[in-house]
Amino acid sequence: MDDTNLTVVEFYLTLTAGQHPISMDDLVISYTDKDTHEGNISYSNNPNASYGNLTRPSWNYTILYSDGDALLEFGEKAKIIVALPEPGVTANQEFTIEVKPAEGATLTITRTAPPAIDKTMNLH
């Protein structure tokens, strides 16, 4: 992250009861703001992915409570880190991240960056 723009977003995915497992390897993540659209952000196969070491734009996941496969199953939680396209999100800018599994509904996350951007923030 730089001093003025939001450059990385982290969020978590879980399944609700009755949903079928989701293959994380087949997931497509896209990003849109008023100036930029990335329809298929590249997956970064980096086992040590963190906020500062992902190439922009790219994304990575870690399945918590995993049984060792790449399926997100009931009872597991996937932590997803998305390194946003350059230049990132500026203050007061709206942006959308879409999570598209191979089967099932698309999850759309739309947020607006606050007037001041700090190193770590919770975007409601």
N, C-alpha and C. Protein backbone atom coordinates (compact mmCIF):
# COMPACT_ATOMS: atom_id res chain seq x y z
N MET A 1 0.83 -1.18 0.00
CA MET A 1 0.00 0.00 0.00
C MET A 1 0.87 1.24 0.00
N ASP A 2 0.47 2.25 -0.77
CA ASP A 2 1.19 3.51 -0.71
C ASP A 2 0.48 4.42 0.30
N ASP A 3 0.92 5.65 0.44
CA ASP A 3 0.39 6.53 1.47
C ASP A 3 -0.98 7.11 1.16
N THR A 4 -1.40 7.08 -0.11
CA THR A 4 -2.64 7.76 -0.45
C THR A 4 -3.71 6.84 -1.02
N ASN A 5 -3.37 5.65 -1.48
CA ASN A 5 -4.33 4.77 -2.15
C ASN A 5 -4.46 3.43 -1.44
N LEU A 6 -5.65 2.87 -1.51
CA LEU A 6 -5.91 1.52 -1.04
C LEU A 6 -5.42 0.58 -2.13
N THR A 7 -4.49 -0.31 -1.81
CA THR A 7 -3.90 -1.15 -2.84
C THR A 7 -4.13 -2.65 -2.63
N VAL A 8 -4.57 -3.05 -1.43
CA VAL A 8 -4.79 -4.46 -1.12
C VAL A 8 -6.09 -4.59 -0.33
N VAL A 9 -6.89 -5.60 -0.68
CA VAL A 9 -8.12 -5.89 0.04
C VAL A 9 -8.08 -7.35 0.48
N GLU A 10 -8.46 -7.59 1.73
CA GLU A 10 -8.54 -8.95 2.28
C GLU A 10 -9.98 -9.20 2.71
N PHE A 11 -10.49 -10.38 2.37
CA PHE A 11 -11.83 -10.77 2.82
C PHE A 11 -11.87 -12.28 2.97
N TYR A 12 -12.95 -12.76 3.58
CA TYR A 12 -13.10 -14.18 3.88
C TYR A 12 -14.36 -14.72 3.23
N LEU A 13 -14.29 -15.98 2.76
CA LEU A 13 -15.43 -16.68 2.19
C LEU A 13 -15.71 -17.93 3.01
N THR A 14 -16.97 -18.21 3.23
CA THR A 14 -17.41 -19.47 3.83
C THR A 14 -18.65 -19.94 3.07
N LEU A 15 -18.96 -21.20 3.20
CA LEU A 15 -20.17 -21.74 2.61
C LEU A 15 -21.28 -21.75 3.65
N THR A 16 -22.50 -21.57 3.19
CA THR A 16 -23.64 -21.75 4.08
C THR A 16 -24.07 -23.22 4.01
N ALA A 17 -24.83 -23.65 4.98
CA ALA A 17 -25.27 -25.05 5.04
C ALA A 17 -25.97 -25.43 3.73
N GLY A 18 -25.62 -26.58 3.21
CA GLY A 18 -26.26 -27.10 2.02
C GLY A 18 -25.59 -26.71 0.71
N GLN A 19 -24.66 -25.76 0.74
CA GLN A 19 -23.97 -25.39 -0.50
C GLN A 19 -22.93 -26.44 -0.87
N HIS A 20 -22.73 -26.59 -2.17
CA HIS A 20 -21.73 -27.52 -2.66
C HIS A 20 -20.34 -26.91 -2.51
N PRO A 21 -19.31 -27.73 -2.36
CA PRO A 21 -17.94 -27.20 -2.29
C PRO A 21 -17.59 -26.36 -3.52
N ILE A 22 -16.71 -25.40 -3.32
CA ILE A 22 -16.25 -24.52 -4.40
C ILE A 22 -14.78 -24.81 -4.66
N SER A 23 -14.45 -25.05 -5.92
CA SER A 23 -13.05 -25.23 -6.31
C SER A 23 -12.37 -23.87 -6.34
N MET A 24 -11.42 -23.65 -5.46
CA MET A 24 -10.70 -22.38 -5.43
C MET A 24 -9.83 -22.22 -6.67
N ASP A 25 -9.43 -23.34 -7.28
CA ASP A 25 -8.60 -23.28 -8.49
C ASP A 25 -9.39 -22.78 -9.69
N ASP A 26 -10.71 -22.87 -9.65
CA ASP A 26 -11.55 -22.44 -10.76
C ASP A 26 -12.20 -21.08 -10.51
N LEU A 27 -11.86 -20.44 -9.42
CA LEU A 27 -12.44 -19.16 -9.05
C LEU A 27 -11.92 -18.05 -9.97
N VAL A 28 -12.79 -17.14 -10.37
CA VAL A 28 -12.40 -15.97 -11.14
C VAL A 28 -12.72 -14.75 -10.29
N ILE A 29 -11.76 -13.86 -10.15
CA ILE A 29 -11.96 -12.62 -9.40
C ILE A 29 -11.75 -11.45 -10.34
N SER A 30 -12.73 -10.53 -10.33
CA SER A 30 -12.63 -9.35 -11.17
C SER A 30 -12.72 -8.09 -10.31
N TYR A 31 -12.26 -7.00 -10.89
CA TYR A 31 -12.21 -5.71 -10.19
C TYR A 31 -12.71 -4.63 -11.13
N THR A 32 -13.53 -3.71 -10.58
CA THR A 32 -14.02 -2.58 -11.37
C THR A 32 -14.08 -1.34 -10.50
N ASP A 33 -13.62 -0.22 -11.06
CA ASP A 33 -13.87 1.10 -10.48
C ASP A 33 -14.19 2.03 -11.65
N LYS A 34 -14.31 3.32 -11.38
CA LYS A 34 -14.75 4.23 -12.45
C LYS A 34 -13.77 4.32 -13.62
N ASP A 35 -12.50 3.97 -13.39
CA ASP A 35 -11.48 4.09 -14.44
C ASP A 35 -10.91 2.76 -14.91
N THR A 36 -11.13 1.69 -14.16
CA THR A 36 -10.42 0.43 -14.42
C THR A 36 -11.38 -0.75 -14.36
N HIS A 37 -11.16 -1.71 -15.27
CA HIS A 37 -11.86 -2.99 -15.19
C HIS A 37 -10.87 -4.10 -15.50
N GLU A 38 -10.71 -5.01 -14.55
CA GLU A 38 -9.90 -6.22 -14.75
C GLU A 38 -10.87 -7.39 -14.63
N GLY A 39 -11.20 -8.02 -15.76
CA GLY A 39 -12.20 -9.08 -15.77
C GLY A 39 -11.76 -10.39 -15.17
N ASN A 40 -10.46 -10.63 -15.15
CA ASN A 40 -9.95 -11.89 -14.60
C ASN A 40 -8.57 -11.61 -14.02
N ILE A 41 -8.53 -11.24 -12.75
CA ILE A 41 -7.26 -10.96 -12.09
C ILE A 41 -6.48 -12.26 -11.95
N SER A 42 -5.19 -12.22 -12.20
CA SER A 42 -4.35 -13.41 -12.16
C SER A 42 -4.21 -13.94 -10.74
N TYR A 43 -4.26 -15.27 -10.63
CA TYR A 43 -4.00 -15.93 -9.35
C TYR A 43 -2.49 -16.01 -9.15
N SER A 44 -2.03 -15.70 -7.94
CA SER A 44 -0.61 -15.79 -7.60
C SER A 44 -0.41 -17.00 -6.70
N ASN A 45 0.25 -18.01 -7.22
CA ASN A 45 0.51 -19.23 -6.45
C ASN A 45 1.73 -19.00 -5.56
N ASN A 46 1.53 -18.20 -4.52
CA ASN A 46 2.60 -17.83 -3.61
C ASN A 46 2.22 -18.29 -2.21
N PRO A 47 2.83 -19.36 -1.70
CA PRO A 47 2.44 -19.87 -0.39
C PRO A 47 2.70 -18.89 0.75
N ASN A 48 3.49 -17.87 0.52
CA ASN A 48 3.79 -16.87 1.55
C ASN A 48 3.17 -15.52 1.20
N ALA A 49 2.06 -15.54 0.48
CA ALA A 49 1.43 -14.29 0.06
C ALA A 49 1.04 -13.45 1.26
N SER A 50 1.33 -12.19 1.14
CA SER A 50 0.93 -11.24 2.16
C SER A 50 0.68 -9.91 1.46
N TYR A 51 0.36 -8.90 2.24
CA TYR A 51 -0.01 -7.61 1.66
C TYR A 51 1.05 -7.01 0.75
N GLY A 52 2.31 -7.18 1.08
CA GLY A 52 3.36 -6.48 0.36
C GLY A 52 4.06 -7.26 -0.72
N ASN A 53 3.77 -8.55 -0.87
CA ASN A 53 4.56 -9.32 -1.83
C ASN A 53 3.75 -9.93 -2.97
N LEU A 54 2.58 -9.39 -3.24
CA LEU A 54 1.81 -9.81 -4.40
C LEU A 54 1.99 -8.80 -5.53
N THR A 55 2.22 -9.30 -6.73
CA THR A 55 2.30 -8.44 -7.91
C THR A 55 0.90 -7.89 -8.19
N ARG A 56 0.82 -6.64 -8.57
CA ARG A 56 -0.48 -6.01 -8.84
C ARG A 56 -0.80 -6.03 -10.32
N PRO A 57 -2.00 -6.40 -10.73
CA PRO A 57 -3.05 -6.99 -9.92
C PRO A 57 -2.91 -8.51 -9.85
N SER A 58 -3.20 -9.07 -8.70
CA SER A 58 -3.22 -10.52 -8.53
C SER A 58 -3.98 -10.85 -7.25
N TRP A 59 -4.23 -12.13 -7.02
CA TRP A 59 -4.91 -12.55 -5.80
C TRP A 59 -4.35 -13.88 -5.34
N ASN A 60 -4.61 -14.19 -4.08
CA ASN A 60 -4.14 -15.42 -3.47
C ASN A 60 -5.15 -15.84 -2.42
N TYR A 61 -5.15 -17.11 -2.10
CA TYR A 61 -6.05 -17.59 -1.04
C TYR A 61 -5.33 -18.55 -0.11
N THR A 62 -5.86 -18.66 1.09
CA THR A 62 -5.47 -19.66 2.08
C THR A 62 -6.75 -20.21 2.67
N ILE A 63 -6.90 -21.53 2.68
CA ILE A 63 -8.08 -22.12 3.30
C ILE A 63 -7.74 -22.45 4.75
N LEU A 64 -8.49 -21.86 5.65
CA LEU A 64 -8.32 -22.10 7.08
C LEU A 64 -9.17 -23.31 7.48
N TYR A 65 -8.69 -24.09 8.39
CA TYR A 65 -9.37 -25.32 8.85
C TYR A 65 -9.51 -26.31 7.70
N SER A 66 -8.55 -26.32 6.80
CA SER A 66 -8.60 -27.10 5.57
C SER A 66 -8.27 -28.56 5.80
N ASP A 67 -8.81 -29.42 4.91
CA ASP A 67 -8.44 -30.83 4.91
C ASP A 67 -7.35 -31.10 3.87
N GLY A 68 -6.75 -30.03 3.34
CA GLY A 68 -5.58 -30.17 2.47
C GLY A 68 -5.85 -30.09 0.98
N ASP A 69 -7.11 -29.98 0.56
CA ASP A 69 -7.38 -29.86 -0.87
C ASP A 69 -7.70 -28.41 -1.24
N ALA A 70 -7.98 -28.18 -2.50
CA ALA A 70 -8.26 -26.82 -2.98
C ALA A 70 -9.76 -26.56 -3.06
N LEU A 71 -10.55 -27.34 -2.34
CA LEU A 71 -12.00 -27.14 -2.30
C LEU A 71 -12.37 -26.40 -1.03
N LEU A 72 -13.18 -25.37 -1.17
CA LEU A 72 -13.74 -24.70 -0.01
C LEU A 72 -15.00 -25.48 0.35
N GLU A 73 -14.96 -26.14 1.51
CA GLU A 73 -16.06 -27.00 1.94
C GLU A 73 -16.70 -26.45 3.20
N PHE A 74 -17.89 -26.96 3.51
CA PHE A 74 -18.60 -26.51 4.70
C PHE A 74 -17.70 -26.68 5.93
N GLY A 75 -17.63 -25.66 6.76
CA GLY A 75 -16.78 -25.69 7.95
C GLY A 75 -15.40 -25.08 7.72
N GLU A 76 -15.04 -24.83 6.47
CA GLU A 76 -13.77 -24.20 6.15
C GLU A 76 -14.00 -22.72 5.85
N LYS A 77 -12.92 -21.95 5.91
CA LYS A 77 -12.98 -20.52 5.61
C LYS A 77 -11.80 -20.19 4.71
N ALA A 78 -12.05 -19.45 3.63
CA ALA A 78 -10.99 -19.04 2.72
C ALA A 78 -10.66 -17.57 2.95
N LYS A 79 -9.39 -17.29 3.23
CA LYS A 79 -8.91 -15.91 3.32
C LYS A 79 -8.38 -15.55 1.94
N ILE A 80 -8.95 -14.50 1.35
CA ILE A 80 -8.55 -14.07 0.01
C ILE A 80 -7.91 -12.69 0.12
N ILE A 81 -6.74 -12.56 -0.49
CA ILE A 81 -6.04 -11.28 -0.57
C ILE A 81 -6.00 -10.87 -2.04
N VAL A 82 -6.49 -9.66 -2.33
CA VAL A 82 -6.48 -9.15 -3.70
C VAL A 82 -5.59 -7.91 -3.73
N ALA A 83 -4.53 -7.98 -4.54
CA ALA A 83 -3.68 -6.80 -4.79
C ALA A 83 -4.33 -6.08 -5.98
N LEU A 84 -4.85 -4.90 -5.73
CA LEU A 84 -5.65 -4.17 -6.72
C LEU A 84 -4.79 -3.64 -7.86
N PRO A 85 -5.41 -3.42 -9.04
CA PRO A 85 -4.67 -2.84 -10.16
C PRO A 85 -4.14 -1.44 -9.81
N GLU A 86 -3.06 -1.06 -10.47
CA GLU A 86 -2.51 0.29 -10.30
C GLU A 86 -3.54 1.32 -10.74
N PRO A 87 -3.71 2.42 -10.12
CA PRO A 87 -2.98 2.93 -8.96
C PRO A 87 -3.63 2.56 -7.63
N GLY A 88 -4.64 1.69 -7.64
CA GLY A 88 -5.38 1.39 -6.43
C GLY A 88 -6.61 2.26 -6.32
N VAL A 89 -7.19 2.29 -5.14
CA VAL A 89 -8.42 3.04 -4.91
C VAL A 89 -8.09 4.32 -4.16
N THR A 90 -8.55 5.43 -4.67
CA THR A 90 -8.31 6.72 -4.03
C THR A 90 -9.40 7.01 -3.00
N ALA A 91 -9.19 8.01 -2.18
CA ALA A 91 -10.16 8.41 -1.16
C ALA A 91 -11.52 8.67 -1.80
N ASN A 92 -12.56 8.20 -1.13
CA ASN A 92 -13.97 8.40 -1.56
C ASN A 92 -14.34 7.69 -2.86
N GLN A 93 -13.49 6.83 -3.36
CA GLN A 93 -13.77 6.15 -4.63
C GLN A 93 -14.50 4.83 -4.37
N GLU A 94 -15.52 4.56 -5.17
CA GLU A 94 -16.24 3.29 -5.09
C GLU A 94 -15.54 2.26 -5.96
N PHE A 95 -15.52 1.02 -5.48
CA PHE A 95 -14.93 -0.07 -6.25
C PHE A 95 -15.73 -1.35 -6.00
N THR A 96 -15.61 -2.29 -6.94
CA THR A 96 -16.32 -3.55 -6.83
C THR A 96 -15.37 -4.70 -7.12
N ILE A 97 -15.43 -5.72 -6.26
CA ILE A 97 -14.71 -6.97 -6.48
C ILE A 97 -15.78 -8.05 -6.65
N GLU A 98 -15.68 -8.83 -7.72
CA GLU A 98 -16.60 -9.93 -7.95
C GLU A 98 -15.86 -11.25 -7.83
N VAL A 99 -16.46 -12.18 -7.11
CA VAL A 99 -15.91 -13.52 -6.92
C VAL A 99 -16.85 -14.47 -7.65
N LYS A 100 -16.32 -15.12 -8.69
CA LYS A 100 -17.15 -15.95 -9.57
C LYS A 100 -16.68 -17.40 -9.52
N PRO A 101 -17.42 -18.27 -8.82
CA PRO A 101 -17.07 -19.68 -8.84
C PRO A 101 -17.47 -20.31 -10.18
N ALA A 102 -16.91 -21.48 -10.49
CA ALA A 102 -17.25 -22.16 -11.74
C ALA A 102 -18.73 -22.51 -11.77
N GLU A 103 -19.31 -22.84 -10.61
CA GLU A 103 -20.73 -23.13 -10.51
C GLU A 103 -21.29 -22.32 -9.35
N GLY A 104 -22.49 -21.82 -9.51
CA GLY A 104 -23.12 -21.08 -8.43
C GLY A 104 -23.12 -19.58 -8.67
N ALA A 105 -23.63 -18.88 -7.69
CA ALA A 105 -23.82 -17.44 -7.81
C ALA A 105 -22.52 -16.66 -7.62
N THR A 106 -22.48 -15.50 -8.28
CA THR A 106 -21.37 -14.57 -8.12
C THR A 106 -21.56 -13.77 -6.85
N LEU A 107 -20.49 -13.59 -6.09
CA LEU A 107 -20.50 -12.74 -4.91
C LEU A 107 -19.95 -11.38 -5.33
N THR A 108 -20.73 -10.33 -5.13
CA THR A 108 -20.32 -8.98 -5.49
C THR A 108 -20.08 -8.19 -4.21
N ILE A 109 -18.88 -7.62 -4.09
CA ILE A 109 -18.51 -6.79 -2.94
C ILE A 109 -18.26 -5.38 -3.47
N THR A 110 -19.11 -4.45 -3.08
CA THR A 110 -18.95 -3.05 -3.49
C THR A 110 -18.73 -2.21 -2.24
N ARG A 111 -17.67 -1.43 -2.27
CA ARG A 111 -17.33 -0.57 -1.13
C ARG A 111 -16.88 0.79 -1.66
N THR A 112 -16.90 1.76 -0.76
CA THR A 112 -16.36 3.08 -1.05
C THR A 112 -15.24 3.36 -0.07
N ALA A 113 -14.09 3.75 -0.59
CA ALA A 113 -12.96 4.07 0.28
C ALA A 113 -13.31 5.30 1.11
N PRO A 114 -12.85 5.36 2.33
CA PRO A 114 -13.12 6.51 3.19
C PRO A 114 -12.32 7.74 2.74
N PRO A 115 -12.62 8.91 3.32
CA PRO A 115 -11.91 10.14 2.95
C PRO A 115 -10.42 10.10 3.28
N ALA A 116 -10.04 9.34 4.29
CA ALA A 116 -8.63 9.19 4.65
C ALA A 116 -8.31 7.70 4.67
N ILE A 117 -7.21 7.32 4.04
CA ILE A 117 -6.83 5.92 3.93
C ILE A 117 -5.64 5.66 4.85
N ASP A 118 -5.84 4.70 5.77
CA ASP A 118 -4.80 4.30 6.70
C ASP A 118 -4.18 2.98 6.26
N LYS A 119 -3.09 2.59 6.92
CA LYS A 119 -2.40 1.36 6.56
C LYS A 119 -3.30 0.14 6.69
N THR A 120 -4.09 0.05 7.75
CA THR A 120 -5.02 -1.05 7.95
C THR A 120 -6.39 -0.46 8.25
N MET A 121 -7.40 -0.95 7.52
CA MET A 121 -8.76 -0.40 7.67
C MET A 121 -9.78 -1.51 7.54
N ASN A 122 -10.94 -1.31 8.13
CA ASN A 122 -12.07 -2.20 7.97
C ASN A 122 -13.12 -1.45 7.15
N LEU A 123 -13.39 -1.95 5.94
CA LEU A 123 -14.35 -1.29 5.06
C LEU A 123 -15.71 -1.96 5.20
N HIS A 124 -16.65 -1.24 5.73
CA HIS A 124 -18.00 -1.79 5.94
C HIS A 124 -18.84 -1.59 4.71
